[in-house]
Every structure is written in structure tokens, then in C-alpha cells.
Amino acid sequence: MTLSPYQHAQAITMIDRAIAHAENGTTDWAPSVYRVPVEDYLSESRWREEMDATFMRLPLLLAFTCEMRKPGDYKTMKVLDVPILIVRGRDERVRAFINVCSHRGATLAGHSHGACARFVCPYHAWTFNDRGVLMGVADPAKFGDIDTAERNLKELPCEERAGMIFVGLTPGMTIDLDTYLGGMLAEVESFGLESWHMYHQNSLESANWKVTHDGYLETYHIPFLHAKTLSTPGANPSVIMVYEAFGEHAFGPHQRMSGSGRGGDVLAMRDIPKSEWTRDEHFHAVRTIFPNVSIAMSNTGGMISQLFPIAPDRCITIQNHLYPRPPETDREREDYDGRVDLLIRAVRDEDYKTGLAIQSGLKSGANRDFLFGRNEVGPQRWHASVDHYVEEARQGQAHAHRLAAE
């Protein structure tokens, strides 16, 4: 499928860099190897710090426009211990709330997806509209006087951009996606996801969220772990990786990764004029949105993975298989099904099987740290991002304690 002008310009930049690396026997390199203590993957207190510093403070991609196109469409989910209700109102705006009735705390909407004009609590039938406003108390004359305006649903910050819906888990926080995403916003906007189709969703369980995420950030492993699935037979194991960082900081925190991990002959591109590098088979990239999203797709479709930690040693991944349009023929449906099956098998039976084995070996004491090579720029930047937000949160807490003591 044809690249957009923006994507074509990016492809030229990335392919030029990859060709230069292939000619020189190099790749994108970090200044040195990078070590992360094994304890950072095991410690419950460290995990809780990471959750508070990232998932509770940063915008999270929780839904897609194609999941809730019509007024009244809603989605529920739980991230960490926060139950979330996302709904498109009659005014077409998407809002997010804590999915808890303001009467006695019962779960308000119990299905993962649905459509309705009002939300009625199953416990005592308190009723809320699509803006979270308490519209009715059952048998109000007998219940007693209350200020209903104080009993609206607790709203969460929410913003819809580029076919994606971002939510903050902490009430009162602000979301500035232009600043937070930086150039990554243009990356995702280039796909036009707002008009795409959600073909399939599934979930997979894996190890610690960092063990799991590490594999999404480099293609160094693909010729080996994915030799029979994602890699080209006979692929050169000397992988070229080309990275770009997007966001507020030098390290991103968001990234785009491309290269020769699937075994393509990068040097063959020298024989094709750059003006003809206009189709997505000439350029494939994996994009990551910090802290927990991997976007592995082209203009013909693909998969967006959302990683949600549930415990220090476990996370759940939601795999979203999206395509520009629904299949129109049996052959097209077979093609979609084959692509979905391949991605599920590669991740579940290869990446996540390996991740769970890593998790089980962490406590053995065999290694004191995780070692990331100079060629593993993506994992290095991602771990630097985690450390940055943890340290930022620590400084914020220390400042608050000083103010409280004064």
C-alpha cells in the first residue's frame, strides 16, 4: 500500500541510514552497554514505584475510536486497581470515569463493551447519564436529602487523537498529548486510524512488564527466536537496527524502530530510486508509545499491543488487530485470519514463552543484572525513561514532604 507523503519522507531517512549501516557493517549504537539490576525486575517496592511514576501519572492509550464510534458506545476495563468506564456522549465527545457508583461503590457498567444512553447501578438503581451526571436516586423521598451534584461519577482526564483514546488514571491530572507525544503524534496520525476497523482482540498473559516489554524494543532476537515465524528463511543474523526518539526528552520516551530484523536485503534498495520508495513493503517500523504500547503495523493493517501490569511478576497484553476496512471476500478474511494467527503464535509461543522462562529464572541468582548491548538502543532508552519518571516522582514526593514539614 502507498505511503503517505509524511511516511515516504520518514522512509527515505530510515532506509538511507540502514543502507549506510549495511555498507559499513554497523548499526545504530548506544555509547556503551547498559545494565539493569535483576532486583529491579523482582522488587515489589520498585514495581509499585514504577506503577505510581508511570501508569498513574502519564496518559495511557486505553481505547480506539473504532471501538466506540456511536453516541452511547462504551468500554470498561481495569488498569492496576482502577476500574474505568469510557463512553462516547451524545455530543460525540469521549469521556472517562472511574467505573464506581457514587452511592455504595458498586461496579456501574459490568460488560467490557456495550451501548446505552444511561448507566443504571445494579445494586440500588442509581442512574447516571453519558456525562457522568447523577440523574436519579431510587425512591428519593425515602432516601433522604443529598446534594446530587456532589454524587456525579468521578471523571478522569481523557483525550481522543488520531483514532486513539488516552486516559489518565488520576482524577484532576492534565493531559497534553502534543507535548507528551511530540513527533510520535504525527507518526500515528499518518495511519488515519480513526477510520480503521477492529478485526480481532485477544489477551495473553506474560511475565514482569519489563521482561515482556524488552522484546518489543529490539529486532536483535528475531532471526533466532522467530526463525520459523517472523523472520525470512536464511536471514542474515547480523541485524541492522535504526532508531528514532520522540517526545519531551533526548531518550523519547517514545520510539520508532526499523531495520533488517526480518531478513530483508537492505542493500537491494540502492537499485530502486528514492522516488519509488513509496510502498510500505519497502519500509516497516515498530513504534512504541511509552510506557506500554507497541504498534507493529503498516498501512495494510497490523497489531497494536497494550501491556498492563497486574503484579510484580505478571502482566496482561491486549492484542488489537486493526485493518483499514473489514474483509470483503472469503480470501481477504482468510488473509486477515492468517496474519492474526501468525502474530498470536509468534508472541505467545515464542516471545512470551521465553519471557516466562526468564521470569522463573530471575530468583536463581545466576545473573545480577540484565545486560543490553550497544546495538540494543531501544531497550536502553526505554529503561532510561522508566528511571527518569521514577526519579521525577521521588523528587516530587521529597518536595511535598519538605513543604509539609515547613
Protein backbone atom coordinates (compact mmCIF):
# COMPACT_ATOMS: atom_id res chain seq x y z
CA MET A 1 0.00 0.00 0.00
CA THR A 2 1.19 3.51 -0.79
CA LEU A 3 2.89 5.54 1.91
CA SER A 4 1.61 8.99 2.76
CA PRO A 5 3.94 11.92 1.95
CA TYR A 6 4.92 12.08 5.62
CA GLN A 7 5.63 8.34 5.74
CA HIS A 8 7.58 8.48 2.47
CA ALA A 9 9.85 11.21 3.85
CA GLN A 10 10.42 9.18 7.01
CA ALA A 11 11.09 6.05 4.96
CA ILE A 12 13.79 7.79 2.93
CA THR A 13 15.55 8.90 6.11
CA MET A 14 15.38 5.48 7.76
CA ILE A 15 16.31 3.46 4.66
CA ASP A 16 19.25 5.76 3.88
CA ARG A 17 20.58 5.16 7.38
CA ALA A 18 20.03 1.40 7.09
CA ILE A 19 21.86 1.27 3.74
CA ALA A 20 24.81 3.17 5.20
CA HIS A 21 24.94 0.70 8.10
CA ALA A 22 24.80 -2.28 5.71
CA GLU A 23 27.68 -0.86 3.67
CA ASN A 24 29.79 -0.22 6.77
CA GLY A 25 28.88 -3.28 8.85
CA THR A 26 27.40 -1.09 11.58
CA THR A 27 24.05 -0.33 13.21
CA ASP A 28 22.63 2.37 15.46
CA TRP A 29 24.69 2.21 18.63
CA ALA A 30 24.40 3.46 22.18
CA PRO A 31 27.59 4.85 23.76
CA SER A 32 28.11 1.70 25.84
CA VAL A 33 26.46 -1.46 27.09
CA TYR A 34 23.74 -0.91 29.69
CA ARG A 35 22.98 -2.82 32.87
CA VAL A 36 19.69 -3.05 34.76
CA PRO A 37 19.82 -4.79 38.16
CA VAL A 38 17.86 -8.04 38.30
CA GLU A 39 16.39 -6.74 41.56
CA ASP A 40 14.60 -4.04 39.57
CA TYR A 41 12.63 -6.85 37.91
CA LEU A 42 11.87 -8.62 41.22
CA SER A 43 11.31 -5.98 43.88
CA GLU A 44 7.67 -5.34 44.78
CA SER A 45 8.52 -1.89 46.15
CA ARG A 46 10.33 -0.98 42.92
CA TRP A 47 7.34 -2.24 40.90
CA ARG A 48 4.96 -0.08 42.93
CA GLU A 49 7.23 2.92 42.41
CA GLU A 50 7.18 2.28 38.67
CA MET A 51 3.39 1.99 38.61
CA ASP A 52 2.93 5.23 40.58
CA ALA A 53 5.50 7.08 38.45
CA THR A 54 4.28 5.93 35.03
CA PHE A 55 0.84 4.35 34.80
CA MET A 56 -0.70 6.61 37.45
CA ARG A 57 0.88 9.83 36.13
CA LEU A 58 1.10 9.56 32.34
CA PRO A 59 -1.52 9.45 29.55
CA LEU A 60 -2.33 5.84 28.67
CA LEU A 61 -3.69 4.56 25.36
CA LEU A 62 -6.74 2.63 26.58
CA ALA A 63 -9.15 2.53 23.64
CA PHE A 64 -9.60 3.21 19.95
CA THR A 65 -12.12 5.30 18.07
CA CYS A 66 -13.25 2.21 16.18
CA GLU A 67 -14.35 0.63 19.47
CA MET A 68 -16.86 3.39 20.20
CA ARG A 69 -17.95 5.29 17.13
CA LYS A 70 -21.58 6.00 18.08
CA PRO A 71 -23.04 8.05 20.95
CA GLY A 72 -23.68 5.73 23.87
CA ASP A 73 -20.93 3.27 22.94
CA TYR A 74 -18.79 2.43 25.94
CA LYS A 75 -15.86 0.30 27.06
CA THR A 76 -14.90 -0.84 30.56
CA MET A 77 -11.60 -2.17 31.81
CA LYS A 78 -9.39 -2.25 34.90
CA VAL A 79 -5.84 -0.89 34.90
CA LEU A 80 -3.94 -1.72 38.06
CA ASP A 81 -6.70 -1.28 40.65
CA VAL A 82 -8.58 1.45 38.80
CA PRO A 83 -11.92 0.38 37.21
CA ILE A 84 -12.52 2.55 34.16
CA LEU A 85 -15.59 3.42 32.09
CA ILE A 86 -15.01 5.15 28.74
CA VAL A 87 -18.10 6.41 26.92
CA ARG A 88 -18.92 8.48 23.84
CA GLY A 89 -21.56 11.04 24.74
CA ARG A 90 -24.42 12.35 22.66
CA ASP A 91 -22.24 15.38 21.95
CA GLU A 92 -19.73 12.98 20.27
CA ARG A 93 -17.10 13.66 22.94
CA VAL A 94 -15.40 10.72 24.63
CA ARG A 95 -15.18 10.87 28.43
CA ALA A 96 -13.69 8.55 31.03
CA PHE A 97 -14.85 7.88 34.59
CA ILE A 98 -14.00 5.64 37.48
CA ASN A 99 -16.48 2.81 36.97
CA VAL A 100 -17.87 3.02 40.50
CA CYS A 101 -21.34 4.10 41.64
CA SER A 102 -21.19 7.13 43.93
CA HIS A 103 -23.75 5.59 46.31
CA ARG A 104 -22.05 2.49 47.74
CA GLY A 105 -19.18 1.84 45.35
CA ALA A 106 -20.68 -0.95 43.25
CA THR A 107 -19.38 -1.53 39.72
CA LEU A 108 -21.61 0.54 37.48
CA ALA A 109 -21.14 -0.96 33.99
CA GLY A 110 -20.31 -4.64 34.05
CA HIS A 111 -19.72 -5.55 30.40
CA SER A 112 -16.45 -4.89 28.60
CA HIS A 113 -18.24 -3.25 25.65
CA GLY A 114 -21.77 -2.02 25.16
CA ALA A 115 -24.07 0.80 24.21
CA CYS A 116 -26.64 2.66 26.31
CA ALA A 117 -27.98 6.15 26.97
CA ARG A 118 -27.92 5.83 30.76
CA PHE A 119 -25.94 3.77 33.25
CA VAL A 120 -28.02 2.18 35.99
CA CYS A 121 -26.28 0.74 39.04
CA PRO A 122 -27.32 -2.91 39.50
CA TYR A 123 -27.28 -2.55 43.30
CA HIS A 124 -29.80 0.24 44.01
CA ALA A 125 -30.61 1.57 40.53
CA TRP A 126 -28.97 4.96 40.86
CA THR A 127 -28.84 6.32 37.31
CA PHE A 128 -26.12 8.35 35.56
CA ASN A 129 -26.05 9.88 32.09
CA ASP A 130 -23.27 9.74 29.49
CA ARG A 131 -21.59 12.76 31.11
CA GLY A 132 -21.40 11.03 34.48
CA VAL A 133 -24.15 13.19 35.99
CA LEU A 134 -26.36 11.58 38.65
CA MET A 135 -29.83 11.76 37.12
CA GLY A 136 -31.89 9.74 39.55
CA VAL A 137 -31.90 8.21 43.01
CA ALA A 138 -34.27 5.30 43.52
CA ASP A 139 -37.18 6.21 45.85
CA PRO A 140 -35.68 9.64 46.68
CA ALA A 141 -38.36 10.67 49.18
CA LYS A 142 -37.42 7.80 51.45
CA PHE A 143 -33.66 8.00 50.87
CA GLY A 144 -33.23 11.50 52.33
CA ASP A 145 -31.82 14.80 51.21
CA ILE A 146 -28.46 14.82 49.38
CA ASP A 147 -26.68 17.19 47.05
CA THR A 148 -26.82 15.15 43.84
CA ALA A 149 -24.20 17.40 42.21
CA GLU A 150 -21.68 16.03 44.71
CA ARG A 151 -22.51 12.47 43.67
CA ASN A 152 -21.63 12.57 39.98
CA LEU A 153 -19.19 9.96 38.70
CA LYS A 154 -15.53 10.70 39.29
CA GLU A 155 -14.20 11.88 35.93
CA LEU A 156 -10.75 11.02 34.60
CA PRO A 157 -8.79 13.13 32.10
CA CYS A 158 -9.43 11.84 28.58
CA GLU A 159 -8.45 12.92 25.08
CA GLU A 160 -9.13 11.39 21.66
CA ARG A 161 -6.49 11.89 18.95
CA ALA A 162 -5.52 10.09 15.76
CA GLY A 163 -8.09 7.32 16.29
CA MET A 164 -6.76 6.63 19.78
CA ILE A 165 -8.25 7.41 23.19
CA PHE A 166 -5.86 8.35 26.00
CA VAL A 167 -6.87 8.38 29.66
CA GLY A 168 -5.11 9.47 32.85
CA LEU A 169 -5.73 7.23 35.87
CA THR A 170 -5.53 10.02 38.43
CA PRO A 171 -8.51 12.40 38.74
CA GLY A 172 -7.52 16.03 38.31
CA MET A 173 -4.35 15.40 36.33
CA THR A 174 -4.00 17.14 32.98
CA ILE A 175 -3.22 15.61 29.59
CA ASP A 176 -1.16 17.47 26.99
CA LEU A 177 -0.72 14.95 24.19
CA ASP A 178 1.02 17.39 21.84
CA THR A 179 3.82 17.87 24.36
CA TYR A 180 3.90 14.33 25.71
CA LEU A 181 3.83 12.50 22.37
CA GLY A 182 5.81 15.08 20.39
CA GLY A 183 6.60 13.77 16.92
CA MET A 184 5.03 10.40 17.73
CA LEU A 185 1.66 12.09 17.26
CA ALA A 186 2.48 12.70 13.59
CA GLU A 187 3.58 9.07 13.31
CA VAL A 188 0.25 7.67 14.46
CA GLU A 189 -1.79 10.35 12.66
CA SER A 190 -0.21 9.23 9.38
CA PHE A 191 -2.19 5.97 9.51
CA GLY A 192 -5.65 7.54 9.75
CA LEU A 193 -6.70 5.06 12.42
CA GLU A 194 -9.92 6.95 13.13
CA SER A 195 -11.47 5.22 10.10
CA TRP A 196 -9.93 1.76 10.65
CA HIS A 197 -11.72 -1.45 11.67
CA MET A 198 -11.09 -3.55 14.79
CA TYR A 199 -10.97 -7.07 13.35
CA HIS A 200 -9.94 -9.09 16.40
CA GLN A 201 -8.91 -8.66 20.05
CA ASN A 202 -7.30 -11.21 22.34
CA SER A 203 -5.34 -11.26 25.58
CA LEU A 204 -2.14 -13.04 26.59
CA GLU A 205 -0.53 -13.42 29.99
CA SER A 206 3.20 -12.96 30.41
CA ALA A 207 5.94 -12.18 32.89
CA ASN A 208 7.01 -8.94 34.60
CA TRP A 209 6.10 -5.94 32.47
CA LYS A 210 9.72 -5.03 31.80
CA VAL A 211 10.73 -8.58 30.86
CA THR A 212 7.77 -8.54 28.49
CA HIS A 213 8.36 -5.08 27.04
CA ASP A 214 12.08 -5.62 26.43
CA GLY A 215 11.27 -7.90 23.50
CA TYR A 216 9.23 -5.23 21.73
CA LEU A 217 12.17 -2.83 21.60
CA GLU A 218 14.76 -4.64 19.51
CA THR A 219 14.95 -6.92 16.47
CA TYR A 220 18.26 -8.49 17.58
CA HIS A 221 16.34 -11.64 18.61
CA ILE A 222 14.16 -12.08 15.52
CA PRO A 223 16.47 -14.26 13.33
CA PHE A 224 16.84 -16.66 16.26
CA LEU A 225 13.65 -16.76 18.36
CA HIS A 226 11.36 -16.14 15.37
CA ALA A 227 13.30 -18.12 12.76
CA LYS A 228 10.17 -20.07 11.72
CA THR A 229 7.58 -17.31 12.08
CA LEU A 230 8.52 -13.66 11.63
CA SER A 231 11.99 -13.97 10.10
CA THR A 232 12.82 -14.70 6.47
CA PRO A 233 14.34 -18.19 5.99
CA GLY A 234 18.11 -17.91 5.82
CA ALA A 235 18.07 -14.37 7.18
CA ASN A 236 21.39 -12.74 7.98
CA PRO A 237 21.69 -12.91 11.78
CA SER A 238 23.69 -9.66 11.79
CA VAL A 239 20.73 -7.37 12.33
CA ILE A 240 20.69 -3.66 11.47
CA MET A 241 18.54 -1.52 13.76
CA VAL A 242 17.67 2.13 13.15
CA TYR A 243 16.00 4.13 15.92
CA GLU A 244 14.31 7.49 16.35
CA ALA A 245 13.18 9.02 19.65
CA PHE A 246 10.06 11.16 20.02
CA GLY A 247 8.80 13.18 22.96
CA GLU A 248 9.95 15.65 25.53
CA HIS A 249 13.39 14.19 26.21
CA ALA A 250 16.52 13.06 24.38
CA PHE A 251 15.58 9.45 25.16
CA GLY A 252 11.99 9.89 23.94
CA PRO A 253 10.25 8.34 25.82
CA HIS A 254 8.53 7.12 22.61
CA GLN A 255 10.44 5.36 19.85
CA ARG A 256 10.38 4.14 16.28
CA MET A 257 12.47 1.11 15.33
CA SER A 258 13.20 -0.22 11.86
CA GLY A 259 15.85 -2.40 10.26
CA SER A 260 16.73 -5.77 8.82
CA GLY A 261 15.44 -7.98 11.61
CA ARG A 262 13.12 -9.89 9.28
CA GLY A 263 15.95 -10.66 6.89
CA GLY A 264 15.30 -8.18 4.09
CA ASP A 265 18.19 -7.21 1.83
CA VAL A 266 18.69 -3.55 2.71
CA LEU A 267 21.36 -3.04 0.05
CA ALA A 268 18.87 -4.00 -2.67
CA MET A 269 17.16 -0.68 -2.02
CA ARG A 270 20.12 1.09 -3.66
CA ASP A 271 18.82 -0.12 -7.02
CA ILE A 272 15.40 1.47 -6.51
CA PRO A 273 15.09 5.26 -6.96
CA LYS A 274 14.05 7.03 -3.78
CA SER A 275 11.08 8.47 -5.62
CA GLU A 276 9.81 4.88 -5.85
CA TRP A 277 10.21 4.09 -2.16
CA THR A 278 6.53 4.82 -1.86
CA ARG A 279 5.08 1.46 -0.83
CA ASP A 280 5.05 0.06 2.68
CA GLU A 281 6.82 -3.18 1.70
CA HIS A 282 9.94 -1.01 1.33
CA PHE A 283 9.74 0.24 4.89
CA HIS A 284 8.43 -1.35 8.07
CA ALA A 285 8.75 0.08 11.54
CA VAL A 286 7.62 -0.79 15.05
CA ARG A 287 6.59 2.21 17.12
CA THR A 288 6.31 2.29 20.89
CA ILE A 289 4.26 4.71 22.95
CA PHE A 290 5.60 4.88 26.47
CA PRO A 291 5.02 3.26 28.85
CA ASN A 292 3.20 0.22 27.50
CA VAL A 293 2.17 0.23 23.82
CA SER A 294 3.77 -1.37 20.76
CA ILE A 295 2.48 -0.56 17.27
CA ALA A 296 3.51 -3.19 14.72
CA MET A 297 1.63 -2.38 11.54
CA SER A 298 1.77 -0.92 8.07
CA ASN A 299 -0.88 0.84 6.02
CA THR A 300 -2.36 -2.58 5.20
CA GLY A 301 -3.04 -3.36 8.87
CA GLY A 302 -1.34 -4.95 11.84
CA MET A 303 -1.33 -5.17 15.60
CA ILE A 304 -1.27 -2.70 18.48
CA SER A 305 -0.29 -4.33 21.78
CA GLN A 306 -1.21 -2.82 25.15
CA LEU A 307 0.77 -4.22 28.12
CA PHE A 308 -0.96 -3.93 31.51
CA PRO A 309 0.93 -4.95 34.66
CA ILE A 310 -1.16 -6.89 37.17
CA ALA A 311 1.55 -7.91 39.67
CA PRO A 312 5.32 -7.60 40.04
CA ASP A 313 5.81 -10.85 38.14
CA ARG A 314 2.88 -10.75 35.71
CA CYS A 315 1.25 -8.62 33.04
CA ILE A 316 -1.59 -8.99 30.58
CA THR A 317 -1.25 -7.97 26.95
CA ILE A 318 -4.26 -6.95 24.88
CA GLN A 319 -3.54 -7.57 21.20
CA ASN A 320 -5.63 -5.33 18.93
CA HIS A 321 -5.66 -6.44 15.29
CA LEU A 322 -6.71 -3.47 13.16
CA TYR A 323 -7.23 -3.10 9.43
CA PRO A 324 -8.20 -0.16 7.21
CA ARG A 325 -11.54 -1.85 6.46
CA PRO A 326 -13.42 -5.10 7.18
CA PRO A 327 -12.71 -8.06 4.89
CA GLU A 328 -14.91 -8.06 1.81
CA THR A 329 -14.22 -11.53 0.41
CA ASP A 330 -13.53 -15.01 1.79
CA ARG A 331 -9.96 -14.78 0.51
CA GLU A 332 -9.45 -11.46 2.28
CA ARG A 333 -10.88 -12.89 5.51
CA GLU A 334 -8.52 -15.86 5.24
CA ASP A 335 -5.63 -13.42 4.79
CA TYR A 336 -6.65 -11.45 7.89
CA ASP A 337 -7.09 -14.64 9.91
CA GLY A 338 -3.68 -15.90 8.82
CA ARG A 339 -1.97 -12.66 9.83
CA VAL A 340 -3.74 -12.63 13.19
CA ASP A 341 -2.85 -16.27 13.85
CA LEU A 342 0.80 -15.68 12.98
CA LEU A 343 1.14 -12.74 15.35
CA ILE A 344 -0.62 -14.55 18.21
CA ARG A 345 1.55 -17.66 17.81
CA ALA A 346 4.81 -15.72 17.48
CA VAL A 347 4.15 -13.65 20.59
CA ARG A 348 2.53 -16.35 22.74
CA ASP A 349 4.67 -19.37 21.82
CA GLU A 350 8.00 -17.63 21.29
CA ASP A 351 8.27 -14.20 22.95
CA TYR A 352 6.07 -14.81 25.97
CA LYS A 353 7.14 -18.42 26.50
CA THR A 354 10.71 -17.13 26.66
CA GLY A 355 9.68 -14.25 28.94
CA LEU A 356 8.01 -16.61 31.42
CA ALA A 357 11.15 -18.78 31.43
CA ILE A 358 13.23 -15.65 32.15
CA GLN A 359 10.88 -14.73 34.99
CA SER A 360 11.19 -18.18 36.56
CA GLY A 361 14.99 -17.94 36.44
CA LEU A 362 15.30 -14.47 37.92
CA LYS A 363 15.47 -15.67 41.52
CA SER A 364 18.20 -18.23 40.83
CA GLY A 365 20.98 -15.73 41.42
CA ALA A 366 22.69 -16.74 38.18
CA ASN A 367 22.80 -13.13 36.97
CA ARG A 368 22.99 -9.89 38.91
CA ASP A 369 21.88 -7.71 36.05
CA PHE A 370 20.24 -7.63 32.64
CA LEU A 371 22.80 -6.71 30.02
CA PHE A 372 21.73 -4.68 26.98
CA GLY A 373 24.26 -4.31 24.19
CA ARG A 374 25.22 -1.13 22.38
CA ASN A 375 23.09 -2.37 19.49
CA GLU A 376 20.01 -2.58 21.77
CA VAL A 377 19.30 1.14 21.70
CA GLY A 378 15.55 0.69 22.18
CA PRO A 379 15.68 -1.19 25.50
CA GLN A 380 18.36 1.19 26.78
CA ARG A 381 16.21 4.25 26.04
CA TRP A 382 13.09 2.62 27.45
CA HIS A 383 14.76 1.73 30.75
CA ALA A 384 16.24 5.23 30.92
CA SER A 385 12.67 6.51 30.55
CA VAL A 386 11.40 4.33 33.40
CA ASP A 387 14.28 5.51 35.61
CA HIS A 388 13.59 9.13 34.67
CA TYR A 389 9.94 9.04 35.71
CA VAL A 390 10.69 7.10 38.91
CA GLU A 391 13.31 9.66 39.90
CA GLU A 392 11.00 12.54 38.96
CA ALA A 393 8.29 11.07 41.20
CA ARG A 394 10.75 10.62 44.06
CA GLN A 395 11.82 14.25 43.81
CA GLY A 396 8.19 15.36 43.75
CA GLN A 397 7.44 13.37 46.88
CA ALA A 398 10.53 14.73 48.64
CA HIS A 399 9.48 18.27 47.75
CA ALA A 400 5.98 17.66 49.08
CA HIS A 401 7.39 16.29 52.33
CA ARG A 402 9.60 19.36 52.72
CA LEU A 403 6.65 21.68 52.20
CA ALA A 404 4.56 19.73 54.71
CA ALA A 405 7.34 19.99 57.27
CA GLU A 406 7.67 23.76 56.94
